[in-house]
Amino acid sequence: MTLPQIPGWLPYDRVHGKHNTVAGTVFVWPTLNSPELSRSREIAVYVPPSFASAEGAGRKYPVIYFHDGQNMFDDKTSYVGEWRADETLQKLAREGRDVIAVGIPNAGEDRMDEYSPWSGKSGFRRRRVVGTGAAYLEWLLDEVKPLVDRSFPTRMDREGTGTMGSSLGGLISLFAAAKYPDVFGFIGAMSPSVRWHDYKIVDLFEDWSGPRPRIHLDMGGREFRGLYADARRMRDALITSGWTLGTDLQYVEDRYGRHHEESWARRLPDALRFLLPDDGAGLSRPSD
């Protein structure tokens, strides 16, 4: 299969070499600047097998934006192990669930600041964070998303746009839903740091008004003490605000799950099966 050339985007092997663990087709935009965050980074985009086939002609795909993107597709670029998102997406494509996935790398040492919506002391160690989460999401919507939308056959409606992450990546995903409810129609929050800044994210959802995205929320039984209770608190806030388990909310407690990419990778297939449609054409179920 001959892949089309997309101006500015390079095949994954051209950027990272052939010795990688990527499955399927991933394109790379080598450097995208962020004036809001005073840094730049590469953007990786997975496309489903039908993308370059006759089957995909004229088709628009739903899109999911993954945080901690260097951990999504390639063990070589990961700093703690990969989610095997590409392998999962290849498998789901065979089931009829096609999606374009965007991996946005984190900010390294500044990760806590970038995924924190608020400034101040937080976390288990009460570390002071600057709280540039809002600026990060502005960059995602003002720079990353337009680049992806003009380069690939994406759906640009709310029901076809989602975001997902784990830990603080799960927190910023939930915050994205609250800050931009008209943009994101599905949210994956794995082991989210809902305790951050005294449960402010829970407060936002308790006061929810407007369209509700589909949400996958989970937690592992071998994570830090008290996190089960935190996840249940978030779940209960969602239910109180109108979400319904099994309809627009999936809640999972993974008894043996750790706070680690291996556990998130294991839970990813069923999370995406809940969030994504069977035919890959977009979310078909009502979100509110």
Protein backbone atom coordinates (compact mmCIF):
# COMPACT_ATOMS: atom_id res chain seq x y z
CA MET A 1 0.00 0.00 0.00
CA THR A 2 1.34 3.40 -1.03
CA LEU A 3 0.60 6.13 1.48
CA PRO A 4 -0.28 9.60 0.24
CA GLN A 5 2.17 12.41 0.86
CA ILE A 6 0.80 14.98 3.29
CA PRO A 7 2.61 18.34 3.15
CA GLY A 8 4.73 18.89 6.25
CA TRP A 9 4.12 15.40 7.68
CA LEU A 10 6.72 12.63 7.62
CA PRO A 11 6.36 8.85 7.95
CA TYR A 12 7.21 7.74 11.47
CA ASP A 13 10.28 5.76 10.35
CA ARG A 14 11.77 8.83 8.70
CA VAL A 15 11.81 10.64 12.05
CA HIS A 16 12.50 7.86 14.58
CA GLY A 17 14.18 5.18 12.48
CA LYS A 18 12.99 1.72 11.58
CA HIS A 19 13.76 0.20 14.98
CA ASN A 20 10.52 1.13 16.69
CA THR A 21 7.41 -0.64 17.98
CA VAL A 22 4.81 1.27 15.97
CA ALA A 23 2.02 -0.81 14.44
CA GLY A 24 0.09 0.53 11.48
CA THR A 25 0.64 3.99 10.01
CA VAL A 26 1.78 7.00 12.02
CA PHE A 27 2.75 10.38 10.59
CA VAL A 28 4.90 12.96 12.41
CA TRP A 29 4.89 16.75 12.32
CA PRO A 30 8.46 17.25 13.57
CA THR A 31 8.13 20.65 15.27
CA LEU A 32 5.04 22.61 16.25
CA ASN A 33 5.69 25.78 18.21
CA SER A 34 3.59 26.92 21.13
CA PRO A 35 3.91 30.65 21.92
CA GLU A 36 1.50 30.17 24.83
CA LEU A 37 3.81 27.62 26.46
CA SER A 38 7.18 28.90 25.19
CA ARG A 39 8.18 25.54 23.75
CA SER A 40 7.75 23.31 20.73
CA ARG A 41 7.23 19.59 20.22
CA GLU A 42 6.44 16.99 17.61
CA ILE A 43 2.92 15.76 16.91
CA ALA A 44 2.24 12.12 15.99
CA VAL A 45 -0.92 11.07 14.15
CA TYR A 46 -2.12 7.48 13.75
CA VAL A 47 -4.42 6.81 10.79
CA PRO A 48 -6.55 3.67 10.40
CA PRO A 49 -5.91 1.09 7.66
CA SER A 50 -8.82 2.36 5.57
CA PHE A 51 -7.24 5.83 5.34
CA ALA A 52 -5.28 5.08 2.16
CA SER A 53 -7.73 2.57 0.67
CA ALA A 54 -10.71 2.86 -1.62
CA GLU A 55 -12.88 2.16 1.43
CA GLY A 56 -11.73 5.42 2.99
CA ALA A 57 -12.36 7.63 -0.03
CA GLY A 58 -14.44 10.62 0.99
CA ARG A 59 -14.70 9.37 4.57
CA LYS A 60 -14.42 11.56 7.66
CA TYR A 61 -13.00 9.99 10.81
CA PRO A 62 -13.60 10.79 14.48
CA VAL A 63 -10.47 12.06 16.27
CA ILE A 64 -9.09 11.45 19.73
CA TYR A 65 -6.30 13.58 21.22
CA PHE A 66 -4.02 11.66 23.60
CA HIS A 67 -1.97 13.47 26.24
CA ASP A 68 1.48 12.10 27.19
CA GLY A 69 1.73 11.34 23.48
CA GLN A 70 5.28 9.98 23.57
CA ASN A 71 3.88 7.01 25.53
CA MET A 72 1.11 6.15 23.08
CA PHE A 73 2.64 4.37 20.08
CA ASP A 74 6.32 3.57 20.53
CA ASP A 75 8.24 1.99 23.37
CA LYS A 76 11.36 3.69 22.01
CA THR A 77 10.04 7.21 22.73
CA SER A 78 8.26 6.31 25.95
CA TYR A 79 9.88 7.11 29.27
CA VAL A 80 7.99 4.46 31.29
CA GLY A 81 6.42 2.12 28.72
CA GLU A 82 3.80 2.57 26.03
CA TRP A 83 0.03 2.30 25.98
CA ARG A 84 0.16 0.22 22.76
CA ALA A 85 -2.55 2.53 21.47
CA ASP A 86 -1.57 1.78 17.87
CA GLU A 87 -1.95 -1.98 18.35
CA THR A 88 -5.31 -1.39 20.04
CA LEU A 89 -6.50 0.93 17.27
CA GLN A 90 -5.46 -1.60 14.61
CA LYS A 91 -7.51 -4.24 16.40
CA LEU A 92 -10.52 -1.94 16.78
CA ALA A 93 -10.32 -1.04 13.09
CA ARG A 94 -10.84 -4.71 12.30
CA GLU A 95 -13.97 -4.51 14.44
CA GLY A 96 -15.24 -1.53 12.43
CA ARG A 97 -14.19 1.21 14.84
CA ASP A 98 -11.92 3.49 12.81
CA VAL A 99 -10.48 6.61 14.38
CA ILE A 100 -7.62 9.04 13.85
CA ALA A 101 -5.50 9.37 17.00
CA VAL A 102 -3.23 12.30 17.83
CA GLY A 103 -0.37 11.91 20.30
CA ILE A 104 0.74 15.16 21.95
CA PRO A 105 3.93 14.72 24.01
CA ASN A 106 4.02 16.13 27.51
CA ALA A 107 6.33 18.92 28.64
CA GLY A 108 8.83 16.74 30.51
CA GLU A 109 9.81 18.40 33.77
CA ASP A 110 6.97 20.89 33.33
CA ARG A 111 4.33 18.19 32.86
CA MET A 112 2.66 18.88 36.21
CA ASP A 113 2.34 22.57 35.40
CA GLU A 114 0.99 21.96 31.90
CA TYR A 115 -1.64 19.44 32.94
CA SER A 116 -2.72 21.47 35.99
CA PRO A 117 -5.66 23.80 35.34
CA TRP A 118 -4.99 25.76 38.52
CA SER A 119 -1.98 27.24 40.32
CA GLY A 120 -0.97 26.53 43.90
CA LYS A 121 0.09 23.59 46.04
CA SER A 122 -1.39 20.24 45.18
CA GLY A 123 -0.75 16.53 44.82
CA PHE A 124 0.32 14.05 47.47
CA ARG A 125 3.48 16.03 48.20
CA ARG A 126 1.75 19.41 48.02
CA ARG A 127 4.11 20.60 45.32
CA ARG A 128 3.52 24.12 44.04
CA VAL A 129 2.48 24.15 40.39
CA VAL A 130 2.12 27.10 38.05
CA GLY A 131 -1.05 25.83 36.42
CA THR A 132 -0.74 26.34 32.65
CA GLY A 133 -3.44 23.82 31.80
CA ALA A 134 -5.72 26.44 30.26
CA ALA A 135 -2.89 27.70 28.02
CA TYR A 136 -2.11 24.11 27.00
CA LEU A 137 -5.71 23.53 25.93
CA GLU A 138 -5.75 26.83 24.04
CA TRP A 139 -2.68 25.64 22.11
CA LEU A 140 -4.34 22.28 21.45
CA LEU A 141 -7.45 23.97 20.03
CA ASP A 142 -5.80 26.93 18.31
CA GLU A 143 -2.76 25.17 16.78
CA VAL A 144 -2.80 21.38 17.07
CA LYS A 145 -6.42 20.71 16.13
CA PRO A 146 -6.49 23.08 13.10
CA LEU A 147 -3.25 21.49 11.83
CA VAL A 148 -4.72 18.01 12.12
CA ASP A 149 -8.07 19.03 10.64
CA ARG A 150 -6.56 20.59 7.53
CA SER A 151 -4.13 17.69 7.01
CA PHE A 152 -6.36 14.66 7.57
CA PRO A 153 -10.00 13.73 6.82
CA THR A 154 -11.31 14.42 10.30
CA ARG A 155 -14.74 14.99 11.68
CA MET A 156 -14.81 18.44 13.21
CA ASP A 157 -18.12 18.20 15.02
CA ARG A 158 -18.38 17.78 18.77
CA GLU A 159 -19.61 14.18 18.62
CA GLY A 160 -16.57 13.21 16.57
CA THR A 161 -13.95 14.85 18.78
CA GLY A 162 -12.51 13.46 22.00
CA THR A 163 -9.52 13.56 24.31
CA MET A 164 -7.95 11.07 26.70
CA GLY A 165 -5.19 10.72 29.25
CA SER A 166 -4.13 9.15 32.52
CA SER A 167 -3.31 10.56 35.95
CA LEU A 168 -2.81 14.31 35.36
CA GLY A 169 -3.55 13.58 31.70
CA GLY A 170 -6.92 12.32 32.89
CA LEU A 171 -7.41 15.50 34.90
CA ILE A 172 -6.70 17.78 31.94
CA SER A 173 -9.05 15.64 29.81
CA LEU A 174 -11.88 16.18 32.27
CA PHE A 175 -11.03 19.87 32.46
CA ALA A 176 -11.15 20.06 28.66
CA ALA A 177 -14.71 18.73 28.78
CA ALA A 178 -15.70 21.34 31.37
CA LYS A 179 -13.95 24.27 29.66
CA TYR A 180 -14.93 23.37 26.10
CA PRO A 181 -18.21 21.41 26.30
CA ASP A 182 -19.11 22.38 22.74
CA VAL A 183 -15.84 20.92 21.36
CA PHE A 184 -15.35 17.54 23.04
CA GLY A 185 -18.00 14.86 22.75
CA PHE A 186 -16.14 11.99 24.40
CA ILE A 187 -13.59 11.87 27.23
CA GLY A 188 -11.30 9.14 28.54
CA ALA A 189 -10.04 9.69 32.10
CA MET A 190 -7.86 6.83 33.32
CA SER A 191 -6.78 7.01 36.96
CA PRO A 192 -7.44 10.78 36.90
CA SER A 193 -5.90 13.03 39.56
CA VAL A 194 -9.26 14.31 40.77
CA ARG A 195 -7.80 15.16 44.21
CA TRP A 196 -5.70 17.88 42.56
CA HIS A 197 -6.38 21.31 44.07
CA ASP A 198 -8.87 20.01 46.61
CA TYR A 199 -11.19 18.31 44.13
CA LYS A 200 -11.88 21.39 42.02
CA ILE A 201 -12.56 19.20 39.01
CA VAL A 202 -15.31 17.43 40.96
CA ASP A 203 -16.83 20.81 41.82
CA LEU A 204 -16.92 21.75 38.12
CA PHE A 205 -18.91 18.64 37.27
CA GLU A 206 -21.24 19.02 40.24
CA ASP A 207 -22.23 22.41 38.80
CA TRP A 208 -22.54 21.04 35.27
CA SER A 209 -24.85 22.58 32.72
CA GLY A 210 -24.93 22.13 28.97
CA PRO A 211 -24.19 19.14 26.73
CA ARG A 212 -22.69 16.09 28.40
CA PRO A 213 -19.85 14.16 26.74
CA ARG A 214 -19.58 10.41 26.93
CA ILE A 215 -17.04 9.63 29.66
CA HIS A 216 -14.93 6.60 30.49
CA LEU A 217 -13.61 6.83 34.08
CA ASP A 218 -11.51 4.20 35.84
CA MET A 219 -9.10 3.46 38.67
CA GLY A 220 -6.80 0.59 39.66
CA GLY A 221 -6.89 -1.27 42.95
CA ARG A 222 -3.10 -1.21 43.36
CA GLU A 223 -2.71 2.54 42.98
CA PHE A 224 -2.04 5.06 45.71
CA ARG A 225 -4.07 4.85 48.88
CA GLY A 226 -7.41 6.59 48.70
CA LEU A 227 -7.68 6.82 44.93
CA TYR A 228 -10.60 4.39 44.74
CA ALA A 229 -12.52 6.79 46.96
CA ASP A 230 -11.50 9.70 44.74
CA ALA A 231 -12.71 7.94 41.60
CA ARG A 232 -16.01 7.03 43.24
CA ARG A 233 -16.43 10.65 44.30
CA MET A 234 -15.97 11.73 40.67
CA ARG A 235 -18.35 9.01 39.47
CA ASP A 236 -21.03 10.07 41.96
CA ALA A 237 -20.70 13.72 40.94
CA LEU A 238 -21.23 12.73 37.31
CA ILE A 239 -24.30 10.66 38.14
CA THR A 240 -25.73 13.48 40.24
CA SER A 241 -25.26 15.84 37.28
CA GLY A 242 -27.18 13.59 34.91
CA TRP A 243 -24.75 11.02 33.52
CA THR A 244 -26.08 7.46 33.38
CA LEU A 245 -23.93 4.38 33.90
CA GLY A 246 -23.84 2.25 30.78
CA THR A 247 -25.29 5.00 28.61
CA ASP A 248 -22.97 8.01 28.61
CA LEU A 249 -20.74 6.97 31.54
CA GLN A 250 -18.55 3.91 31.89
CA TYR A 251 -16.93 3.41 35.29
CA VAL A 252 -14.34 0.67 35.84
CA GLU A 253 -12.47 -0.46 38.96
CA ASP A 254 -9.52 -2.62 37.92
CA ARG A 255 -8.72 -4.67 41.01
CA TYR A 256 -5.13 -5.43 39.99
CA GLY A 257 -4.47 -2.20 38.12
CA ARG A 258 -1.41 -0.09 38.99
CA HIS A 259 -0.67 3.56 38.29
CA HIS A 260 1.27 2.60 35.21
CA GLU A 261 1.08 2.49 31.41
CA GLU A 262 0.83 -1.29 31.44
CA SER A 263 -2.50 -1.12 33.29
CA TRP A 264 -3.82 1.74 31.15
CA ALA A 265 -2.87 -0.17 28.01
CA ARG A 266 -4.81 -3.18 29.24
CA ARG A 267 -7.95 -1.11 29.89
CA LEU A 268 -7.69 0.95 26.70
CA PRO A 269 -9.53 -1.39 24.28
CA ASP A 270 -12.75 -1.54 26.29
CA ALA A 271 -12.55 2.17 27.06
CA LEU A 272 -12.42 2.98 23.35
CA ARG A 273 -15.13 0.43 22.55
CA PHE A 274 -17.40 2.40 24.85
CA LEU A 275 -16.38 5.81 23.56
CA LEU A 276 -16.21 5.07 19.83
CA PRO A 277 -18.95 3.90 17.45
CA ASP A 278 -19.07 0.47 15.85
CA ASP A 279 -18.86 1.74 12.28
CA GLY A 280 -16.21 4.42 12.76
CA ALA A 281 -18.48 7.10 11.31
CA GLY A 282 -18.92 9.04 14.53
CA LEU A 283 -20.71 8.85 17.85
CA SER A 284 -24.25 7.79 17.14
CA ARG A 285 -25.67 7.91 20.64
CA PRO A 286 -27.03 11.13 22.15
CA SER A 287 -24.68 12.93 24.53
CA ASP A 288 -27.36 14.70 26.56
